[in-house]
């Protein structure tokens, strides 16, 4: 919440409560990953493959659109 710019812009108690609800919804429904990568650019394609693989597992049936988006690489 402290990094949410909208709270500083609005400075409205009602909006703050709604914003908190929206943040809570995101926390419950959006998976978060941490990528710790080597500083070796030679392994970049391996990192991309790992991220794409994780994304396919996460989105399930939507993986087809991921494949289409990455086919142009």
PDB file of N, CA and C in Angstrom:
ATOM      1  N   UNK A   1       0.816  -1.193   0.000  1.00  0.00           N
ATOM      2  CA  UNK A   1       0.000   0.000   0.000  1.00  0.00           C
ATOM      3  C   UNK A   1       0.863   1.262   0.000  1.00  0.00           C
ATOM      4  N   UNK A   2       1.994   1.231   0.672  1.00  0.00           N
ATOM      5  CA  UNK A   2       2.802   2.448   0.775  1.00  0.00           C
ATOM      6  C   UNK A   2       3.336   2.899  -0.579  1.00  0.00           C
ATOM      7  N   UNK A   3       3.429   1.982  -1.543  1.00  0.00           N
ATOM      8  CA  UNK A   3       3.932   2.330  -2.868  1.00  0.00           C
ATOM      9  C   UNK A   3       2.805   2.595  -3.857  1.00  0.00           C
ATOM     10  N   UNK A   4       1.580   2.667  -3.370  1.00  0.00           N
ATOM     11  CA  UNK A   4       0.437   2.913  -4.244  1.00  0.00           C
ATOM     12  C   UNK A   4       0.262   4.412  -4.442  1.00  0.00           C
ATOM     13  N   UNK A   5       0.611   4.880  -5.595  1.00  0.00           N
ATOM     14  CA  UNK A   5       0.545   6.302  -5.912  1.00  0.00           C
ATOM     15  C   UNK A   5      -0.871   6.841  -5.803  1.00  0.00           C
ATOM     16  N   UNK A   6      -1.842   6.026  -6.142  1.00  0.00           N
ATOM     17  CA  UNK A   6      -3.222   6.505  -6.151  1.00  0.00           C
ATOM     18  C   UNK A   6      -3.656   7.011  -4.779  1.00  0.00           C
ATOM     19  N   UNK A   7      -3.175   6.400  -3.704  1.00  0.00           N
ATOM     20  CA  UNK A   7      -3.562   6.860  -2.368  1.00  0.00           C
ATOM     21  C   UNK A   7      -3.077   8.277  -2.116  1.00  0.00           C
ATOM     22  N   UNK A   8      -1.890   8.568  -2.548  1.00  0.00           N
ATOM     23  CA  UNK A   8      -1.360   9.921  -2.356  1.00  0.00           C
ATOM     24  C   UNK A   8      -2.085  10.932  -3.232  1.00  0.00           C
ATOM     25  N   UNK A   9      -2.528  10.501  -4.389  1.00  0.00           N
ATOM     26  CA  UNK A   9      -3.217  11.417  -5.290  1.00  0.00           C
ATOM     27  C   UNK A   9      -4.638  11.709  -4.821  1.00  0.00           C
ATOM     28  N   UNK A  10      -5.312  10.696  -4.338  1.00  0.00           N
ATOM     29  CA  UNK A  10      -6.714  10.861  -3.952  1.00  0.00           C
ATOM     30  C   UNK A  10      -6.881  11.454  -2.561  1.00  0.00           C
ATOM     31  N   UNK A  11      -6.134  10.923  -1.605  1.00  0.00           N
ATOM     32  CA  UNK A  11      -6.225  11.357  -0.212  1.00  0.00           C
ATOM     33  C   UNK A  11      -7.681  11.422   0.249  1.00  0.00           C
ATOM     34  N   UNK A  12      -8.407  10.348  -0.034  1.00  0.00           N
ATOM     35  CA  UNK A  12      -9.833  10.266   0.265  1.00  0.00           C
ATOM     36  C   UNK A  12     -10.068   8.987   1.053  1.00  0.00           C
ATOM     37  N   UNK A  13     -10.695   9.091   2.229  1.00  0.00           N
ATOM     38  CA  UNK A  13     -10.873   7.921   3.101  1.00  0.00           C
ATOM     39  C   UNK A  13     -11.683   6.823   2.418  1.00  0.00           C
ATOM     40  N   UNK A  14     -12.755   7.167   1.733  1.00  0.00           N
ATOM     41  CA  UNK A  14     -13.561   6.163   1.036  1.00  0.00           C
ATOM     42  C   UNK A  14     -12.777   5.480  -0.062  1.00  0.00           C
ATOM     43  N   UNK A  15     -12.014   6.270  -0.790  1.00  0.00           N
ATOM     44  CA  UNK A  15     -11.196   5.714  -1.860  1.00  0.00           C
ATOM     45  C   UNK A  15     -10.103   4.824  -1.283  1.00  0.00           C
ATOM     46  N   UNK A  16      -9.580   5.177  -0.116  1.00  0.00           N
ATOM     47  CA  UNK A  16      -8.536   4.370   0.519  1.00  0.00           C
ATOM     48  C   UNK A  16      -9.062   2.992   0.877  1.00  0.00           C
ATOM     49  N   UNK A  17     -10.284   2.916   1.400  1.00  0.00           N
ATOM     50  CA  UNK A  17     -10.876   1.624   1.761  1.00  0.00           C
ATOM     51  C   UNK A  17     -11.098   0.777   0.516  1.00  0.00           C
ATOM     52  N   UNK A  18     -11.585   1.401  -0.534  1.00  0.00           N
ATOM     53  CA  UNK A  18     -11.806   0.671  -1.779  1.00  0.00           C
ATOM     54  C   UNK A  18     -10.472   0.201  -2.359  1.00  0.00           C
ATOM     55  N   UNK A  19      -9.467   1.042  -2.286  1.00  0.00           N
ATOM     56  CA  UNK A  19      -8.146   0.682  -2.797  1.00  0.00           C
ATOM     57  C   UNK A  19      -7.566  -0.495  -2.008  1.00  0.00           C
ATOM     58  N   UNK A  20      -7.763  -0.494  -0.701  1.00  0.00           N
ATOM     59  CA  UNK A  20      -7.302  -1.608   0.125  1.00  0.00           C
ATOM     60  C   UNK A  20      -7.998  -2.897  -0.290  1.00  0.00           C
ATOM     61  N   UNK A  21      -9.297  -2.841  -0.551  1.00  0.00           N
ATOM     62  CA  UNK A  21     -10.030  -4.019  -1.022  1.00  0.00           C
ATOM     63  C   UNK A  21      -9.468  -4.516  -2.350  1.00  0.00           C
ATOM     64  N   UNK A  22      -9.143  -3.593  -3.239  1.00  0.00           N
ATOM     65  CA  UNK A  22      -8.576  -3.973  -4.530  1.00  0.00           C
ATOM     66  C   UNK A  22      -7.200  -4.620  -4.365  1.00  0.00           C
ATOM     67  N   UNK A  23      -6.393  -4.073  -3.479  1.00  0.00           N
ATOM     68  CA  UNK A  23      -5.071  -4.657  -3.209  1.00  0.00           C
ATOM     69  C   UNK A  23      -5.211  -6.056  -2.619  1.00  0.00           C
ATOM     70  N   UNK A  24      -6.153  -6.228  -1.696  1.00  0.00           N
ATOM     71  CA  UNK A  24      -6.386  -7.541  -1.085  1.00  0.00           C
ATOM     72  C   UNK A  24      -6.828  -8.546  -2.137  1.00  0.00           C
ATOM     73  N   UNK A  25      -7.675  -8.126  -3.054  1.00  0.00           N
ATOM     74  CA  UNK A  25      -8.121  -9.004  -4.138  1.00  0.00           C
ATOM     75  C   UNK A  25      -6.924  -9.458  -4.979  1.00  0.00           C
ATOM     76  N   UNK A  26      -6.055  -8.526  -5.323  1.00  0.00           N
ATOM     77  CA  UNK A  26      -4.877  -8.867  -6.117  1.00  0.00           C
ATOM     78  C   UNK A  26      -3.978  -9.860  -5.393  1.00  0.00           C
ATOM     79  N   UNK A  27      -3.776  -9.643  -4.107  1.00  0.00           N
ATOM     80  CA  UNK A  27      -2.925 -10.543  -3.318  1.00  0.00           C
ATOM     81  C   UNK A  27      -3.500 -11.957  -3.316  1.00  0.00           C
ATOM     82  N   UNK A  28      -4.817 -12.066  -3.224  1.00  0.00           N
ATOM     83  CA  UNK A  28      -5.460 -13.385  -3.195  1.00  0.00           C
ATOM     84  C   UNK A  28      -5.467 -14.070  -4.554  1.00  0.00           C
ATOM     85  N   UNK A  29      -5.457 -13.312  -5.634  1.00  0.00           N
ATOM     86  CA  UNK A  29      -5.726 -13.893  -6.946  1.00  0.00           C
ATOM     87  C   UNK A  29      -4.591 -13.849  -7.961  1.00  0.00           C
ATOM     88  N   UNK A  30      -3.544 -13.118  -7.683  1.00  0.00           N
ATOM     89  CA  UNK A  30      -2.455 -12.998  -8.653  1.00  0.00           C
ATOM     90  C   UNK A  30      -1.202 -13.656  -8.084  1.00  0.00           C
ATOM     91  N   UNK A  31      -0.728 -14.708  -8.752  1.00  0.00           N
ATOM     92  CA  UNK A  31       0.484 -15.354  -8.256  1.00  0.00           C
ATOM     93  C   UNK A  31       1.699 -14.434  -8.409  1.00  0.00           C
ATOM     94  N   UNK A  32       2.599 -14.544  -7.469  1.00  0.00           N
ATOM     95  CA  UNK A  32       3.811 -13.720  -7.483  1.00  0.00           C
ATOM     96  C   UNK A  32       5.013 -14.648  -7.538  1.00  0.00           C
ATOM     97  N   UNK A  33       5.955 -14.297  -8.351  1.00  0.00           N
ATOM     98  CA  UNK A  33       7.181 -15.073  -8.467  1.00  0.00           C
ATOM     99  C   UNK A  33       8.363 -14.147  -8.234  1.00  0.00           C
ATOM    100  N   UNK A  34       9.454 -14.745  -7.817  1.00  0.00           N
ATOM    101  CA  UNK A  34      10.705 -14.006  -7.682  1.00  0.00           C
ATOM    102  C   UNK A  34      11.724 -14.667  -8.600  1.00  0.00           C
ATOM    103  N   UNK A  35      12.305 -13.881  -9.445  1.00  0.00           N
ATOM    104  CA  UNK A  35      13.297 -14.388 -10.382  1.00  0.00           C
ATOM    105  C   UNK A  35      14.673 -13.938  -9.924  1.00  0.00           C
ATOM    106  N   UNK A  36      15.480 -14.908  -9.573  1.00  0.00           N
ATOM    107  CA  UNK A  36      16.877 -14.631  -9.239  1.00  0.00           C
ATOM    108  C   UNK A  36      17.684 -15.167 -10.412  1.00  0.00           C
ATOM    109  N   UNK A  37      18.283 -14.274 -11.127  1.00  0.00           N
ATOM    110  CA  UNK A  37      18.945 -14.668 -12.362  1.00  0.00           C
ATOM    111  C   UNK A  37      20.457 -14.534 -12.248  1.00  0.00           C
ATOM    112  N   UNK A  38      21.147 -15.370 -12.992  1.00  0.00           N
ATOM    113  CA  UNK A  38      22.598 -15.208 -13.054  1.00  0.00           C
ATOM    114  C   UNK A  38      22.926 -13.980 -13.903  1.00  0.00           C
ATOM    115  N   UNK A  39      24.071 -13.411 -13.696  1.00  0.00           N
ATOM    116  CA  UNK A  39      24.482 -12.230 -14.455  1.00  0.00           C
ATOM    117  C   UNK A  39      25.153 -12.611 -15.774  1.00  0.00           C
ATOM    118  N   UNK A  40      25.016 -13.867 -16.142  1.00  0.00           N
ATOM    119  CA  UNK A  40      25.612 -14.396 -17.360  1.00  0.00           C
ATOM    120  C   UNK A  40      24.592 -14.321 -18.495  1.00  0.00           C
ATOM    121  N   UNK A  41      24.768 -13.388 -19.418  1.00  0.00           N
ATOM    122  CA  UNK A  41      23.828 -13.242 -20.528  1.00  0.00           C
ATOM    123  C   UNK A  41      23.811 -14.458 -21.445  1.00  0.00           C
ATOM    124  N   UNK A  42      24.815 -15.290 -21.349  1.00  0.00           N
ATOM    125  CA  UNK A  42      24.850 -16.512 -22.138  1.00  0.00           C
ATOM    126  C   UNK A  42      23.744 -17.482 -21.756  1.00  0.00           C
ATOM    127  N   UNK A  43      23.165 -17.288 -20.584  1.00  0.00           N
ATOM    128  CA  UNK A  43      22.084 -18.166 -20.119  1.00  0.00           C
ATOM    129  C   UNK A  43      20.708 -17.514 -20.278  1.00  0.00           C
ATOM    130  N   UNK A  44      20.645 -16.415 -21.012  1.00  0.00           N
ATOM    131  CA  UNK A  44      19.402 -15.676 -21.155  1.00  0.00           C
ATOM    132  C   UNK A  44      18.280 -16.526 -21.748  1.00  0.00           C
ATOM    133  N   UNK A  45      18.568 -17.308 -22.773  1.00  0.00           N
ATOM    134  CA  UNK A  45      17.510 -18.135 -23.377  1.00  0.00           C
ATOM    135  C   UNK A  45      16.993 -19.176 -22.384  1.00  0.00           C
ATOM    136  N   UNK A  46      17.857 -19.685 -21.524  1.00  0.00           N
ATOM    137  CA  UNK A  46      17.442 -20.628 -20.482  1.00  0.00           C
ATOM    138  C   UNK A  46      16.481 -19.948 -19.497  1.00  0.00           C
ATOM    139  N   UNK A  47      16.781 -18.719 -19.152  1.00  0.00           N
ATOM    140  CA  UNK A  47      15.926 -17.961 -18.233  1.00  0.00           C
ATOM    141  C   UNK A  47      14.567 -17.706 -18.877  1.00  0.00           C
ATOM    142  N   UNK A  48      14.575 -17.315 -20.148  1.00  0.00           N
ATOM    143  CA  UNK A  48      13.319 -17.078 -20.869  1.00  0.00           C
ATOM    144  C   UNK A  48      12.490 -18.353 -20.900  1.00  0.00           C
ATOM    145  N   UNK A  49      13.112 -19.485 -21.195  1.00  0.00           N
ATOM    146  CA  UNK A  49      12.396 -20.766 -21.222  1.00  0.00           C
ATOM    147  C   UNK A  49      11.781 -21.083 -19.867  1.00  0.00           C
ATOM    148  N   UNK A  50      12.514 -20.815 -18.797  1.00  0.00           N
ATOM    149  CA  UNK A  50      12.015 -21.073 -17.445  1.00  0.00           C
ATOM    150  C   UNK A  50      10.804 -20.204 -17.131  1.00  0.00           C
ATOM    151  N   UNK A  51      10.882 -18.934 -17.477  1.00  0.00           N
ATOM    152  CA  UNK A  51       9.764 -18.014 -17.225  1.00  0.00           C
ATOM    153  C   UNK A  51       8.547 -18.427 -18.052  1.00  0.00           C
ATOM    154  N   UNK A  52       8.751 -18.749 -19.322  1.00  0.00           N
ATOM    155  CA  UNK A  52       7.636 -19.167 -20.173  1.00  0.00           C
ATOM    156  C   UNK A  52       7.001 -20.452 -19.660  1.00  0.00           C
ATOM    157  N   UNK A  53       7.814 -21.389 -19.220  1.00  0.00           N
ATOM    158  CA  UNK A  53       7.301 -22.648 -18.684  1.00  0.00           C
ATOM    159  C   UNK A  53       6.449 -22.409 -17.441  1.00  0.00           C
ATOM    160  N   UNK A  54       6.933 -21.561 -16.554  1.00  0.00           N
ATOM    161  CA  UNK A  54       6.174 -21.239 -15.348  1.00  0.00           C
ATOM    162  C   UNK A  54       4.867 -20.547 -15.711  1.00  0.00           C
ATOM    163  N   UNK A  55       4.917 -19.662 -16.678  1.00  0.00           N
ATOM    164  CA  UNK A  55       3.716 -18.956 -17.109  1.00  0.00           C
ATOM    165  C   UNK A  55       2.691 -19.924 -17.695  1.00  0.00           C
ATOM    166  N   UNK A  56       3.145 -20.881 -18.476  1.00  0.00           N
ATOM    167  CA  UNK A  56       2.224 -21.888 -19.031  1.00  0.00           C
ATOM    168  C   UNK A  56       1.546 -22.684 -17.918  1.00  0.00           C
ATOM    169  N   UNK A  57       2.304 -23.065 -16.908  1.00  0.00           N
ATOM    170  CA  UNK A  57       1.708 -23.809 -15.784  1.00  0.00           C
ATOM    171  C   UNK A  57       0.703 -22.940 -15.037  1.00  0.00           C
ATOM    172  N   UNK A  58       0.997 -21.660 -14.918  1.00  0.00           N
ATOM    173  CA  UNK A  58       0.144 -20.749 -14.162  1.00  0.00           C
ATOM    174  C   UNK A  58      -1.158 -20.451 -14.885  1.00  0.00           C
ATOM    175  N   UNK A  59      -1.092 -20.179 -16.180  1.00  0.00           N
ATOM    176  CA  UNK A  59      -2.292 -19.769 -16.906  1.00  0.00           C
ATOM    177  C   UNK A  59      -3.062 -20.931 -17.505  1.00  0.00           C
ATOM    178  N   UNK A  60      -2.477 -22.099 -17.528  1.00  0.00           N
ATOM    179  CA  UNK A  60      -3.191 -23.278 -18.000  1.00  0.00           C
ATOM    180  C   UNK A  60      -3.616 -23.180 -19.447  1.00  0.00           C
ATOM    181  N   UNK A  61      -4.924 -23.133 -19.684  1.00  0.00           N
ATOM    182  CA  UNK A  61      -5.454 -23.191 -21.043  1.00  0.00           C
ATOM    183  C   UNK A  61      -5.117 -21.963 -21.872  1.00  0.00           C
ATOM    184  N   UNK A  62      -4.703 -20.903 -21.252  1.00  0.00           N
ATOM    185  CA  UNK A  62      -4.330 -19.700 -21.999  1.00  0.00           C
ATOM    186  C   UNK A  62      -2.918 -19.797 -22.560  1.00  0.00           C
ATOM    187  N   UNK A  63      -2.254 -20.908 -22.309  1.00  0.00           N
ATOM    188  CA  UNK A  63      -0.868 -21.068 -22.744  1.00  0.00           C
ATOM    189  C   UNK A  63      -0.730 -20.963 -24.256  1.00  0.00           C
ATOM    190  N   UNK A  64      -1.792 -21.258 -24.992  1.00  0.00           N
ATOM    191  CA  UNK A  64      -1.738 -21.169 -26.444  1.00  0.00           C
ATOM    192  C   UNK A  64      -1.392 -19.748 -26.896  1.00  0.00           C
ATOM    193  N   UNK A  65      -1.967 -18.759 -26.232  1.00  0.00           N
ATOM    194  CA  UNK A  65      -1.672 -17.374 -26.603  1.00  0.00           C
ATOM    195  C   UNK A  65      -0.229 -17.008 -26.269  1.00  0.00           C
ATOM    196  N   UNK A  66       0.315 -17.612 -25.228  1.00  0.00           N
ATOM    197  CA  UNK A  66       1.723 -17.393 -24.885  1.00  0.00           C
ATOM    198  C   UNK A  66       2.597 -17.950 -25.999  1.00  0.00           C
ATOM    199  N   UNK A  67       2.253 -19.150 -26.470  1.00  0.00           N
ATOM    200  CA  UNK A  67       3.012 -19.763 -27.549  1.00  0.00           C
ATOM    201  C   UNK A  67       2.986 -18.889 -28.802  1.00  0.00           C
ATOM    202  N   UNK A  68       1.826 -18.330 -29.119  1.00  0.00           N
ATOM    203  CA  UNK A  68       1.715 -17.468 -30.295  1.00  0.00           C
ATOM    204  C   UNK A  68       2.555 -16.212 -30.123  1.00  0.00           C
ATOM    205  N   UNK A  69       2.546 -15.648 -28.934  1.00  0.00           N
ATOM    206  CA  UNK A  69       3.292 -14.416 -28.680  1.00  0.00           C
ATOM    207  C   UNK A  69       4.794 -14.647 -28.753  1.00  0.00           C
ATOM    208  N   UNK A  70       5.238 -15.813 -28.313  1.00  0.00           N
ATOM    209  CA  UNK A  70       6.677 -16.075 -28.286  1.00  0.00           C
ATOM    210  C   UNK A  70       7.177 -16.695 -29.584  1.00  0.00           C
ATOM    211  N   UNK A  71       6.285 -17.096 -30.470  1.00  0.00           N
ATOM    212  CA  UNK A  71       6.692 -17.722 -31.725  1.00  0.00           C
ATOM    213  C   UNK A  71       7.455 -16.749 -32.617  1.00  0.00           C
ATOM    214  N   UNK A  72       7.216 -15.479 -32.418  1.00  0.00           N
ATOM    215  CA  UNK A  72       7.879 -14.486 -33.263  1.00  0.00           C
ATOM    216  C   UNK A  72       9.307 -14.194 -32.830  1.00  0.00           C
ATOM    217  N   UNK A  73       9.763 -14.805 -31.723  1.00  0.00           N
ATOM    218  CA  UNK A  73      11.134 -14.560 -31.246  1.00  0.00           C
ATOM    219  C   UNK A  73      12.144 -15.116 -32.191  1.00  0.00           C
TER     220      UNK A  73
END
